[in-house]
N, C-alpha and C. Protein backbone atom coordinates (compact mmCIF):
# COMPACT_ATOMS: atom_id res chain seq x y z
N MET A 1 21.04 -4.58 0.00
CA MET A 1 21.00 -3.45 -1.44
C MET A 1 20.16 -3.68 -2.27
N LEU A 2 19.25 -3.44 -2.58
CA LEU A 2 17.67 -3.56 -3.37
C LEU A 2 18.35 -3.31 -4.85
N LEU A 3 17.79 -3.68 -6.11
CA LEU A 3 18.15 -3.99 -6.75
C LEU A 3 17.40 -3.00 -7.43
N PRO A 4 17.73 -2.75 -8.71
CA PRO A 4 17.51 -1.95 -9.75
C PRO A 4 16.38 -2.82 -10.79
N ARG A 5 16.12 -3.69 -10.94
CA ARG A 5 15.34 -3.99 -11.76
C ARG A 5 14.96 -5.32 -10.94
N TYR A 6 13.34 -6.30 -11.85
CA TYR A 6 13.83 -8.24 -11.97
C TYR A 6 14.06 -8.93 -13.59
N GLN A 7 13.59 -7.85 -14.45
CA GLN A 7 13.74 -8.48 -15.84
C GLN A 7 13.72 -6.53 -16.95
N PHE A 8 15.17 -7.44 -16.92
CA PHE A 8 15.26 -5.76 -17.18
C PHE A 8 15.13 -6.02 -18.72
N GLU A 9 14.58 -6.92 -19.48
CA GLU A 9 14.32 -6.57 -21.35
C GLU A 9 12.84 -5.96 -21.57
N TYR A 10 12.04 -5.96 -20.26
CA TYR A 10 11.03 -5.82 -19.97
C TYR A 10 10.62 -4.15 -19.62
N LEU A 11 9.65 -3.33 -19.95
CA LEU A 11 9.24 -2.16 -19.59
C LEU A 11 8.78 -2.41 -18.24
N GLU A 12 9.07 -2.13 -16.48
CA GLU A 12 8.22 -3.89 -15.11
C GLU A 12 8.08 -1.96 -14.20
N ALA A 13 6.77 -2.54 -13.70
CA ALA A 13 6.37 -2.00 -12.58
C ALA A 13 6.40 -2.49 -11.01
N GLY A 14 7.14 -1.65 -10.17
CA GLY A 14 6.68 -2.71 -8.68
C GLY A 14 5.42 -2.61 -8.53
N CYS A 15 4.58 -3.25 -7.81
CA CYS A 15 3.39 -2.87 -6.92
C CYS A 15 3.30 -2.98 -5.64
N ASP A 16 2.45 -2.52 -4.51
CA ASP A 16 2.47 -3.06 -2.84
C ASP A 16 1.78 -2.37 -2.22
N GLU A 17 0.77 -2.79 -1.42
CA GLU A 17 0.07 -1.83 -0.98
C GLU A 17 0.10 -1.98 0.58
N ALA A 18 -0.72 -1.07 1.08
CA ALA A 18 -0.56 -0.82 2.96
C ALA A 18 -2.03 0.33 3.12
N GLY A 19 -2.73 -0.65 3.99
CA GLY A 19 -3.26 -1.29 4.62
C GLY A 19 -4.59 -2.42 4.77
N ARG A 20 -3.48 -3.64 4.80
CA ARG A 20 -4.06 -4.80 4.66
C ARG A 20 -4.34 -4.78 5.80
N GLY A 21 -4.09 -4.43 6.88
CA GLY A 21 -4.18 -5.14 8.02
C GLY A 21 -5.38 -4.41 9.68
N CYS A 22 -5.76 -2.55 8.88
CA CYS A 22 -5.92 -2.10 9.58
C CYS A 22 -7.78 -2.07 9.48
N LEU A 23 -7.97 -2.02 10.95
CA LEU A 23 -9.26 -2.38 11.05
C LEU A 23 -10.29 -1.42 11.07
N ALA A 24 -10.16 0.12 10.10
CA ALA A 24 -10.12 1.04 9.54
C ALA A 24 -10.34 2.04 8.11
N GLY A 25 -11.05 2.52 6.97
CA GLY A 25 -10.16 2.90 6.21
C GLY A 25 -9.86 2.58 4.85
N PRO A 26 -9.21 2.31 3.60
CA PRO A 26 -9.14 2.16 2.32
C PRO A 26 -8.04 0.95 2.76
N VAL A 27 -7.85 0.38 1.64
CA VAL A 27 -6.48 -0.21 1.54
C VAL A 27 -5.83 0.55 0.10
N PHE A 28 -4.94 0.99 0.05
CA PHE A 28 -4.23 1.52 -0.62
C PHE A 28 -3.52 1.17 -1.89
N ALA A 29 -3.36 0.52 -2.45
CA ALA A 29 -1.64 0.82 -3.43
C ALA A 29 -0.99 1.50 -4.96
N ALA A 30 -0.49 0.89 -4.59
CA ALA A 30 1.10 2.06 -6.01
C ALA A 30 1.21 0.70 -6.88
N ALA A 31 1.61 1.41 -7.99
CA ALA A 31 2.04 0.28 -9.05
C ALA A 31 3.57 2.17 -9.62
N VAL A 32 4.22 1.90 -9.93
CA VAL A 32 6.13 2.40 -10.20
C VAL A 32 6.77 1.42 -10.74
N ILE A 33 7.18 2.43 -12.40
CA ILE A 33 8.11 2.31 -13.36
C ILE A 33 8.83 2.72 -12.93
N LEU A 34 10.13 2.69 -12.94
CA LEU A 34 11.72 3.53 -12.24
C LEU A 34 12.26 3.36 -13.59
N PRO A 35 12.88 4.53 -14.07
CA PRO A 35 14.05 4.49 -14.86
C PRO A 35 15.29 3.07 -14.09
N ASP A 36 15.89 2.49 -15.50
CA ASP A 36 17.33 1.75 -15.24
C ASP A 36 17.81 1.90 -14.38
N ASP A 37 18.30 2.58 -14.97
CA ASP A 37 19.52 3.58 -13.50
C ASP A 37 19.28 4.09 -12.34
N PHE A 38 18.09 3.99 -11.66
CA PHE A 38 17.26 4.62 -10.73
C PHE A 38 18.06 3.49 -9.52
N GLU A 39 18.34 4.97 -7.95
CA GLU A 39 18.09 4.16 -7.14
C GLU A 39 18.65 5.17 -6.52
N HIS A 40 18.51 4.31 -4.92
CA HIS A 40 18.51 6.26 -4.37
C HIS A 40 18.70 5.17 -2.88
N HIS A 41 20.27 6.01 -1.85
CA HIS A 41 20.48 5.03 -0.62
C HIS A 41 19.46 4.79 0.75
N LEU A 42 18.65 5.65 0.55
CA LEU A 42 18.14 6.24 1.82
C LEU A 42 16.37 5.15 0.93
N LEU A 43 16.21 4.27 -0.41
CA LEU A 43 14.98 3.99 -0.62
C LEU A 43 15.02 2.46 0.20
N ASN A 44 14.08 2.21 0.28
CA ASN A 44 13.46 1.31 1.44
C ASN A 44 11.91 0.32 1.49
N ASP A 45 11.53 -0.19 1.89
CA ASP A 45 10.29 -0.81 2.40
C ASP A 45 9.90 0.04 3.12
N SER A 46 9.10 0.20 3.24
CA SER A 46 8.49 1.76 3.62
C SER A 46 7.90 1.76 5.34
N LYS A 47 7.97 0.47 5.57
CA LYS A 47 7.91 -0.11 7.37
C LYS A 47 9.08 -0.01 7.74
N GLN A 48 10.39 0.63 6.90
CA GLN A 48 11.68 0.70 7.88
C GLN A 48 12.29 1.89 7.88
N LEU A 49 11.61 2.66 7.54
CA LEU A 49 11.49 4.33 7.74
C LEU A 49 11.32 5.65 8.23
N THR A 50 11.14 6.37 8.74
CA THR A 50 10.12 7.07 9.42
C THR A 50 9.71 7.73 8.41
N GLU A 51 8.78 8.07 9.08
CA GLU A 51 7.38 8.96 8.54
C GLU A 51 7.91 10.32 7.47
N GLU A 52 9.28 10.91 8.32
CA GLU A 52 9.20 11.90 7.38
C GLU A 52 11.07 11.39 6.41
N ILE A 53 10.71 10.65 6.27
CA ILE A 53 11.56 9.90 5.51
C ILE A 53 10.84 9.63 4.36
N ARG A 54 9.44 8.79 4.97
CA ARG A 54 8.74 8.37 3.48
C ARG A 54 8.14 9.68 2.93
N TYR A 55 7.98 10.64 3.48
CA TYR A 55 7.27 11.55 2.62
C TYR A 55 8.60 12.83 2.02
N GLN A 56 9.83 12.59 2.00
CA GLN A 56 10.74 13.53 0.45
C GLN A 56 11.38 12.09 0.04
N LEU A 57 10.88 10.60 0.28
CA LEU A 57 10.75 10.15 -0.58
C LEU A 57 10.64 10.32 -1.50
N ARG A 58 8.90 10.42 -1.28
CA ARG A 58 7.21 10.27 -2.13
C ARG A 58 8.01 11.91 -3.17
N ILE A 59 8.15 12.69 -2.35
CA ILE A 59 8.69 13.63 -4.84
C ILE A 59 10.03 13.35 -5.00
N GLU A 60 10.88 13.23 -4.64
CA GLU A 60 11.76 12.46 -5.21
C GLU A 60 11.22 11.38 -5.99
N ILE A 61 11.07 10.52 -5.97
CA ILE A 61 9.69 8.82 -6.64
C ILE A 61 9.07 9.82 -7.47
N GLU A 62 8.19 10.56 -7.57
CA GLU A 62 7.33 11.25 -8.12
C GLU A 62 8.00 12.53 -8.77
N GLN A 63 9.09 12.46 -9.54
CA GLN A 63 9.78 14.01 -9.75
C GLN A 63 10.28 12.33 -10.73
N ASN A 64 10.80 10.96 -10.06
CA ASN A 64 12.41 10.41 -11.32
C ASN A 64 11.38 9.12 -11.59
N ALA A 65 10.31 8.35 -11.12
CA ALA A 65 9.96 7.72 -12.06
C ALA A 65 10.02 8.60 -13.64
N ILE A 66 9.00 6.83 -13.98
CA ILE A 66 8.80 6.48 -15.36
C ILE A 66 7.41 7.37 -15.29
N ALA A 67 6.80 6.07 -14.40
CA ALA A 67 5.01 6.04 -14.55
C ALA A 67 4.97 5.74 -12.98
N HIS A 68 3.84 6.56 -12.41
CA HIS A 68 3.21 6.16 -11.25
C HIS A 68 2.10 6.42 -11.56
N ALA A 69 1.60 5.64 -9.86
CA ALA A 69 -0.30 5.31 -9.66
C ALA A 69 -0.84 4.55 -8.69
N VAL A 70 -1.75 5.50 -7.93
CA VAL A 70 -2.27 4.90 -7.06
C VAL A 70 -4.10 4.45 -7.17
N GLY A 71 -4.09 3.55 -6.38
CA GLY A 71 -5.30 2.66 -6.62
C GLY A 71 -5.79 2.71 -4.99
N ILE A 72 -7.77 2.52 -5.09
CA ILE A 72 -7.69 2.56 -4.13
C ILE A 72 -8.63 1.20 -3.81
N VAL A 73 -9.18 1.15 -2.59
CA VAL A 73 -10.74 -0.04 -2.10
C VAL A 73 -11.13 0.35 -0.64
N ASP A 74 -12.31 0.86 -1.17
CA ASP A 74 -12.31 1.64 0.32
C ASP A 74 -13.25 0.15 1.18
N ASN A 75 -13.40 0.62 2.53
CA ASN A 75 -13.94 -0.82 3.72
C ASN A 75 -14.64 -1.37 3.24
N VAL A 76 -16.59 -0.73 2.43
CA VAL A 76 -17.61 -1.27 1.81
C VAL A 76 -16.96 -2.49 1.12
N GLU A 77 -16.01 -2.11 0.39
CA GLU A 77 -15.82 -2.97 -0.82
C GLU A 77 -14.90 -4.09 -0.43
N ILE A 78 -13.97 -4.16 0.03
CA ILE A 78 -12.86 -4.49 1.06
C ILE A 78 -14.14 -5.37 2.09
N ASP A 79 -14.62 -5.80 2.31
CA ASP A 79 -16.04 -6.17 3.50
C ASP A 79 -17.14 -7.42 2.11
N ALA A 80 -16.82 -6.44 1.35
CA ALA A 80 -17.44 -7.18 0.41
C ALA A 80 -17.36 -8.47 -0.71
N ILE A 81 -15.25 -7.95 -0.33
CA ILE A 81 -15.17 -9.23 -1.73
C ILE A 81 -13.88 -9.86 -0.73
N ASN A 82 -13.16 -9.57 0.23
CA ASN A 82 -12.22 -9.59 1.74
C ASN A 82 -11.44 -9.38 1.10
N ILE A 83 -10.06 -8.83 2.25
CA ILE A 83 -8.26 -7.80 2.24
C ILE A 83 -8.28 -8.35 1.32
N LEU A 84 -7.93 -9.69 1.34
CA LEU A 84 -6.65 -10.54 -0.08
C LEU A 84 -7.14 -10.08 -1.34
N ASN A 85 -8.95 -10.02 -1.86
CA ASN A 85 -9.04 -9.44 -3.20
C ASN A 85 -9.08 -8.29 -3.26
N ALA A 86 -9.43 -7.76 -2.23
CA ALA A 86 -8.82 -6.09 -2.34
C ALA A 86 -8.20 -5.07 -2.55
N SER A 87 -6.90 -5.97 -1.88
CA SER A 87 -4.85 -5.50 -2.48
C SER A 87 -5.05 -6.07 -3.11
N PHE A 88 -5.70 -7.39 -3.81
CA PHE A 88 -5.09 -7.21 -5.67
C PHE A 88 -5.92 -6.60 -6.15
N LEU A 89 -7.26 -5.94 -6.61
CA LEU A 89 -8.09 -4.98 -6.72
C LEU A 89 -7.44 -3.96 -6.25
N ALA A 90 -6.62 -3.04 -5.51
CA ALA A 90 -6.22 -1.43 -5.87
C ALA A 90 -4.92 -1.32 -6.39
N MET A 91 -4.24 -3.12 -6.45
CA MET A 91 -2.48 -3.13 -7.00
C MET A 91 -4.08 -2.60 -8.68
N HIS A 92 -4.77 -3.23 -9.55
CA HIS A 92 -4.97 -3.13 -10.53
C HIS A 92 -5.76 -1.29 -10.83
N ARG A 93 -6.08 -1.07 -9.33
CA ARG A 93 -6.40 -0.02 -10.65
C ARG A 93 -5.43 0.62 -10.28
N ALA A 94 -3.97 -0.08 -9.73
CA ALA A 94 -3.40 1.83 -9.86
C ALA A 94 -2.42 1.29 -11.56
N ILE A 95 -2.03 -0.22 -11.85
CA ILE A 95 -1.96 -0.17 -12.81
C ILE A 95 -2.35 0.00 -13.68
N GLU A 96 -3.70 0.36 -13.96
CA GLU A 96 -4.93 0.36 -14.85
C GLU A 96 -4.49 2.35 -15.16
N LYS A 97 -4.37 3.10 -14.10
CA LYS A 97 -4.03 4.54 -14.21
C LYS A 97 -2.83 4.26 -14.61
N LEU A 98 -1.55 3.70 -14.54
CA LEU A 98 -0.36 4.19 -15.05
C LEU A 98 -0.51 4.57 -16.33
N HIS A 99 0.38 5.53 -16.70
CA HIS A 99 0.07 6.83 -18.07
C HIS A 99 0.39 5.56 -19.62
N LEU A 100 1.37 5.00 -19.13
CA LEU A 100 2.37 4.08 -19.75
C LEU A 100 2.24 2.42 -19.23
N SER A 101 1.60 1.81 -19.99
CA SER A 101 1.17 -0.17 -19.68
C SER A 101 2.33 -1.05 -19.86
N PRO A 102 3.17 -1.29 -19.05
CA PRO A 102 4.16 -2.16 -18.24
C PRO A 102 3.65 -2.84 -18.60
N GLN A 103 5.54 -3.63 -19.00
CA GLN A 103 5.45 -5.21 -19.43
C GLN A 103 5.10 -6.01 -19.06
N PHE A 104 5.72 -6.01 -17.78
CA PHE A 104 5.95 -7.49 -16.23
C PHE A 104 5.95 -6.46 -15.52
N LEU A 105 5.19 -7.19 -14.19
CA LEU A 105 4.67 -6.13 -12.99
C LEU A 105 5.53 -7.46 -12.07
N ILE A 106 6.32 -6.52 -11.07
CA ILE A 106 6.85 -7.54 -9.96
C ILE A 106 5.55 -6.95 -8.93
N ILE A 107 5.45 -7.60 -7.78
CA ILE A 107 5.13 -8.11 -7.28
C ILE A 107 4.98 -8.22 -5.74
N ASP A 108 4.58 -7.22 -4.79
CA ASP A 108 5.36 -6.86 -2.85
C ASP A 108 4.31 -8.98 -2.36
N GLY A 109 5.05 -10.29 -2.14
CA GLY A 109 3.91 -10.89 -1.99
C GLY A 109 4.12 -12.28 -2.27
N ASN A 110 3.25 -13.21 -2.10
CA ASN A 110 3.82 -14.47 -2.68
C ASN A 110 2.02 -15.51 -3.16
N ARG A 111 1.52 -14.14 -3.77
CA ARG A 111 -0.01 -13.93 -4.31
C ARG A 111 -0.49 -12.82 -4.93
N PHE A 112 -1.38 -13.33 -5.81
CA PHE A 112 -1.39 -12.32 -7.41
C PHE A 112 -2.63 -12.21 -8.06
N ASN A 113 -3.64 -11.69 -8.01
CA ASN A 113 -4.30 -12.00 -9.26
C ASN A 113 -3.81 -11.28 -10.07
N LYS A 114 -4.07 -12.20 -11.41
CA LYS A 114 -2.72 -11.88 -13.02
C LYS A 114 -3.82 -11.10 -13.54
N TYR A 115 -2.90 -9.11 -13.61
CA TYR A 115 -3.99 -8.51 -14.78
C TYR A 115 -3.90 -8.30 -15.87
N GLN A 116 -4.74 -8.45 -16.42
CA GLN A 116 -5.23 -8.67 -17.86
C GLN A 116 -4.35 -9.69 -18.97
N ASN A 117 -2.96 -9.35 -20.03
CA ASN A 117 -2.69 -10.25 -20.25
C ASN A 117 -0.65 -9.75 -19.70
N ILE A 118 -0.23 -8.97 -18.79
CA ILE A 118 0.93 -8.94 -18.12
C ILE A 118 0.56 -9.75 -17.43
N PRO A 119 2.15 -10.55 -17.57
CA PRO A 119 3.16 -11.57 -17.38
C PRO A 119 3.64 -10.77 -15.51
N HIS A 120 3.91 -11.64 -14.55
CA HIS A 120 4.39 -11.18 -13.34
C HIS A 120 4.95 -11.94 -12.70
N GLN A 121 5.41 -11.34 -12.05
CA GLN A 121 6.28 -12.62 -10.79
C GLN A 121 6.17 -12.14 -9.09
N CYS A 122 5.78 -12.39 -8.38
CA CYS A 122 5.28 -12.24 -6.37
C CYS A 122 6.28 -12.51 -5.98
N ILE A 123 7.00 -11.69 -5.41
CA ILE A 123 8.13 -11.86 -4.37
C ILE A 123 8.24 -11.39 -3.11
N VAL A 124 8.85 -12.70 -2.32
CA VAL A 124 8.46 -12.21 -0.37
C VAL A 124 9.92 -11.50 -0.56
N GLU A 125 8.30 -10.56 0.52
CA GLU A 125 9.31 -9.22 1.11
C GLU A 125 10.07 -8.62 -0.44
N GLY A 126 10.02 -8.51 -0.86
CA GLY A 126 10.42 -7.95 -2.34
C GLY A 126 10.00 -5.83 -2.24
N ASP A 127 9.61 -5.84 -0.71
CA ASP A 127 10.41 -4.55 -1.16
C ASP A 127 11.22 -3.60 -0.14
N ALA A 128 11.97 -4.83 -0.26
CA ALA A 128 13.02 -4.47 0.73
C ALA A 128 14.59 -5.17 -0.68
N LYS A 129 14.05 -5.49 -1.86
CA LYS A 129 14.24 -6.11 -2.01
C LYS A 129 14.82 -5.36 -4.02
N TYR A 130 13.95 -4.37 -3.92
CA TYR A 130 13.96 -4.07 -6.08
C TYR A 130 13.62 -2.60 -5.27
N PHE A 131 14.20 -1.86 -6.30
CA PHE A 131 13.69 -0.66 -5.87
C PHE A 131 11.92 -0.19 -5.94
N SER A 132 11.29 -0.85 -7.11
CA SER A 132 10.02 -0.30 -7.50
C SER A 132 9.02 -0.50 -7.03
N ILE A 133 9.20 -2.34 -6.37
CA ILE A 133 8.58 -1.76 -5.40
C ILE A 133 8.15 -1.37 -3.88
N ALA A 134 9.63 -0.96 -3.80
CA ALA A 134 9.60 -0.49 -2.47
C ALA A 134 8.92 1.39 -2.77
N ALA A 135 9.37 2.25 -4.16
CA ALA A 135 8.62 3.32 -4.46
C ALA A 135 7.38 3.00 -4.00
N ALA A 136 7.08 1.52 -4.74
CA ALA A 136 5.11 1.94 -5.11
C ALA A 136 4.83 1.98 -3.04
N SER A 137 5.73 1.16 -2.29
CA SER A 137 5.96 0.88 -0.84
C SER A 137 5.67 2.89 0.00
N ILE A 138 5.79 3.29 -0.92
CA ILE A 138 6.47 4.51 -0.18
C ILE A 138 4.71 5.05 -0.51
N LEU A 139 4.26 5.31 -1.55
CA LEU A 139 3.50 5.73 -1.95
C LEU A 139 2.43 5.32 -1.45
N ALA A 140 2.03 4.08 -1.39
CA ALA A 140 0.25 3.86 -1.03
C ALA A 140 0.53 4.37 0.42
N LYS A 141 1.86 4.08 1.46
CA LYS A 141 2.25 4.16 2.63
C LYS A 141 1.22 5.89 2.72
N THR A 142 1.83 6.10 2.23
CA THR A 142 2.48 7.50 2.10
C THR A 142 0.81 8.05 2.10
N TYR A 143 0.01 7.63 0.91
CA TYR A 143 -1.34 8.51 0.28
C TYR A 143 -2.03 7.58 1.09
N ARG A 144 -1.83 6.53 1.23
CA ARG A 144 -2.85 5.78 2.99
C ARG A 144 -3.27 6.76 4.78
N ASP A 145 -1.90 6.68 4.42
CA ASP A 145 -1.54 7.88 5.87
C ASP A 145 -2.13 9.57 5.77
N ASP A 146 -2.33 9.94 5.19
CA ASP A 146 -2.65 11.07 4.74
C ASP A 146 -4.28 10.99 4.35
N TYR A 147 -4.86 10.28 3.69
CA TYR A 147 -5.83 9.72 3.87
C TYR A 147 -6.59 9.69 5.37
N MET A 148 -6.58 9.36 6.30
CA MET A 148 -6.76 8.76 6.90
C MET A 148 -6.17 9.60 8.15
N LYS A 149 -4.86 10.03 7.99
CA LYS A 149 -5.31 12.14 8.78
C LYS A 149 -6.41 12.54 7.94
N GLN A 150 -6.89 13.13 6.87
CA GLN A 150 -7.93 13.49 6.82
C GLN A 150 -9.81 12.25 7.33
N ILE A 151 -9.50 12.09 7.29
CA ILE A 151 -10.92 11.82 8.35
C ILE A 151 -10.80 11.02 9.77
N ALA A 152 -9.88 11.16 10.41
CA ALA A 152 -9.36 11.92 12.16
C ALA A 152 -10.00 12.92 12.45
N ALA A 153 -9.90 14.04 11.36
CA ALA A 153 -10.99 15.35 11.91
C ALA A 153 -12.27 15.36 12.43
N GLU A 154 -12.78 14.05 11.82
CA GLU A 154 -13.77 13.78 11.69
C GLU A 154 -14.28 12.61 12.83
N HIS A 155 -13.51 11.46 13.28
CA HIS A 155 -13.68 10.86 14.84
C HIS A 155 -11.84 11.06 15.65
N PRO A 156 -11.90 12.36 15.88
CA PRO A 156 -10.93 11.74 16.47
C PRO A 156 -10.76 11.27 17.52
N GLU A 157 -11.64 10.89 18.16
CA GLU A 157 -11.17 9.89 19.55
C GLU A 157 -11.00 7.94 18.98
N TYR A 158 -10.42 8.57 17.83
CA TYR A 158 -10.36 7.25 17.50
C TYR A 158 -8.98 6.87 17.18
N ASP A 159 -8.58 8.28 17.27
CA ASP A 159 -7.00 8.25 17.13
C ASP A 159 -6.17 7.59 15.51
N TRP A 160 -7.29 8.56 14.15
CA TRP A 160 -5.99 7.63 13.74
C TRP A 160 -4.89 8.62 13.30
N HIS A 161 -5.30 9.95 13.36
CA HIS A 161 -3.90 10.58 12.92
C HIS A 161 -2.72 10.02 13.24
N LYS A 162 -2.46 8.97 15.03
CA LYS A 162 -1.62 8.40 15.20
C LYS A 162 -1.35 7.34 15.00
N ASN A 163 -2.67 6.28 14.86
CA ASN A 163 -3.05 4.61 14.21
C ASN A 163 -3.08 4.83 13.48
N LYS A 164 -3.49 5.55 12.03
CA LYS A 164 -3.90 5.16 10.42
C LYS A 164 -5.18 4.37 10.24
N GLY A 165 -5.07 3.41 11.87
CA GLY A 165 -6.33 2.82 11.30
C GLY A 165 -6.36 1.03 11.76
N TYR A 166 -4.86 1.27 12.57
CA TYR A 166 -3.81 0.23 12.52
C TYR A 166 -5.07 -0.64 13.66
N PRO A 167 -5.48 -1.58 14.30
CA PRO A 167 -5.26 -1.76 15.36
C PRO A 167 -4.92 -1.69 17.26
N THR A 168 -4.07 -0.57 16.93
CA THR A 168 -3.43 -0.43 18.66
C THR A 168 -5.07 -1.10 19.60
N ILE A 169 -3.93 -0.62 20.77
CA ILE A 169 -5.21 -0.54 21.94
C ILE A 169 -6.15 -0.17 22.15
N LYS A 170 -5.71 1.26 22.36
CA LYS A 170 -7.00 2.27 22.11
C LYS A 170 -7.91 2.38 21.03
N HIS A 171 -7.69 2.01 19.87
CA HIS A 171 -8.94 1.67 18.15
C HIS A 171 -9.60 0.80 18.98
N ARG A 172 -9.65 -1.13 19.21
CA ARG A 172 -10.11 -1.49 19.48
C ARG A 172 -10.73 -0.76 21.01
N GLU A 173 -10.38 -0.64 21.68
CA GLU A 173 -10.74 -0.02 23.15
C GLU A 173 -12.04 1.17 22.76
N THR A 174 -12.28 1.94 21.99
CA THR A 174 -13.32 2.74 21.22
C THR A 174 -14.08 1.87 20.68
N VAL A 175 -13.17 1.19 19.39
CA VAL A 175 -14.67 0.59 18.72
C VAL A 175 -15.58 -0.69 19.75
N MET A 176 -15.16 -1.09 20.79
CA MET A 176 -15.58 -1.25 21.38
C MET A 176 -15.87 -0.76 22.50
N LYS A 177 -16.05 0.66 23.05
CA LYS A 177 -16.37 1.32 23.69
C LYS A 177 -18.02 2.13 22.58
N ILE A 178 -18.14 2.42 21.26
CA ILE A 178 -18.81 3.89 21.31
C ILE A 178 -19.88 3.38 19.45
N GLY A 179 -18.70 1.65 19.54
CA GLY A 179 -18.96 1.47 17.97
C GLY A 179 -18.37 2.06 16.73
N TYR A 180 -18.59 1.30 15.92
CA TYR A 180 -17.94 1.73 14.72
C TYR A 180 -18.34 3.38 14.28
N THR A 181 -17.14 3.35 12.95
CA THR A 181 -17.52 4.44 11.84
C THR A 181 -18.61 4.33 10.73
N PRO A 182 -18.99 5.27 9.59
CA PRO A 182 -19.20 4.29 7.74
C PRO A 182 -17.45 4.23 7.13
N TYR A 183 -16.34 4.71 8.40
CA TYR A 183 -15.07 4.25 7.98
C TYR A 183 -15.09 2.60 8.35
N HIS A 184 -15.12 1.89 9.21
CA HIS A 184 -14.84 0.16 9.76
C HIS A 184 -14.89 -0.61 8.51
N ARG A 185 -14.19 -1.37 9.26
CA ARG A 185 -14.51 -2.83 8.37
C ARG A 185 -15.49 -3.94 9.00
N ARG A 186 -15.95 -3.97 8.79
CA ARG A 186 -17.25 -4.73 9.29
C ARG A 186 -16.82 -6.31 9.80
N THR A 187 -16.26 -6.16 8.76
CA THR A 187 -15.40 -8.02 8.81
C THR A 187 -14.94 -8.43 9.53
N PHE A 188 -13.89 -7.19 9.97
CA PHE A 188 -12.43 -6.91 10.84
C PHE A 188 -12.78 -7.11 12.60
N ARG A 189 -12.62 -8.81 12.82
CA ARG A 189 -13.02 -8.35 14.96
C ARG A 189 -11.47 -7.86 15.22
N VAL A 190 -12.71 -7.16 16.12
CA VAL A 190 -11.51 -6.09 16.84
C VAL A 190 -11.28 -6.59 18.04
N THR A 191 -11.42 -7.70 17.91
CA THR A 191 -10.72 -8.31 19.79
C THR A 191 -9.67 -9.98 18.11
N ASP A 192 -9.64 -10.16 17.37
CA ASP A 192 -8.67 -10.80 16.32
C ASP A 192 -7.45 -10.79 17.02
N PRO A 193 -6.90 -11.66 17.93
CA PRO A 193 -5.45 -11.21 18.25
C PRO A 193 -4.42 -10.96 16.95
N GLN A 194 -5.47 -12.31 15.26
CA GLN A 194 -4.68 -12.10 14.55
C GLN A 194 -3.84 -10.72 13.29
N LEU A 195 -5.00 -9.89 14.18
CA LEU A 195 -4.46 -8.78 13.63
C LEU A 195 -3.86 -7.24 14.50
N GLN A 196 -3.15 -8.47 14.66
CA GLN A 196 -1.68 -7.45 14.98
C GLN A 196 -0.77 -8.12 14.47
N ILE A 197 -0.60 -9.01 13.60
CA ILE A 197 0.32 -9.34 12.59
C ILE A 197 0.95 -8.62 11.93
N PHE A 198 -0.17 -6.95 11.22
CA PHE A 198 -0.11 -6.75 10.39
C PHE A 198 0.91 -4.93 10.87
């Protein structure tokens, strides 16, 4: 069962990212501030939900959130600063776009670069523990999927409308056969088996 808040005495934003393990496309992150009494029986880590439910939940999150925003770091920036720092930067950009400034941040994962002077707490598997992080995971995932479906029309041979840039066998084989697109992350090794864990 997910919990509503980590710190009840502060205006709290949950943050999460999507697309960290992809071969192509940006990394997206979201920051979400929910009302103290918000709950939803379907809301969970975006990876545990069907695509249809994720998009249904996005509408409800955006209608009910006190504030929400999405940040993006493209593949060129990812190659320049590495994917870990790019994930942090995408979260920073999402937080910066919030129309309300949070007083506390809860971050999915075990590492984060501090944003300004706002205190934070990293929470491993936080998207399965707190509603605001789960909500952020939904927004980051669905907005990134929208982007990948859009650019899939430019390069249909990579099957991005299905794999969303993740290193599926077909995606890897296509890269090895015909090469990279302007959307690919050049610092990611196509044959690196570690990419399969994301």
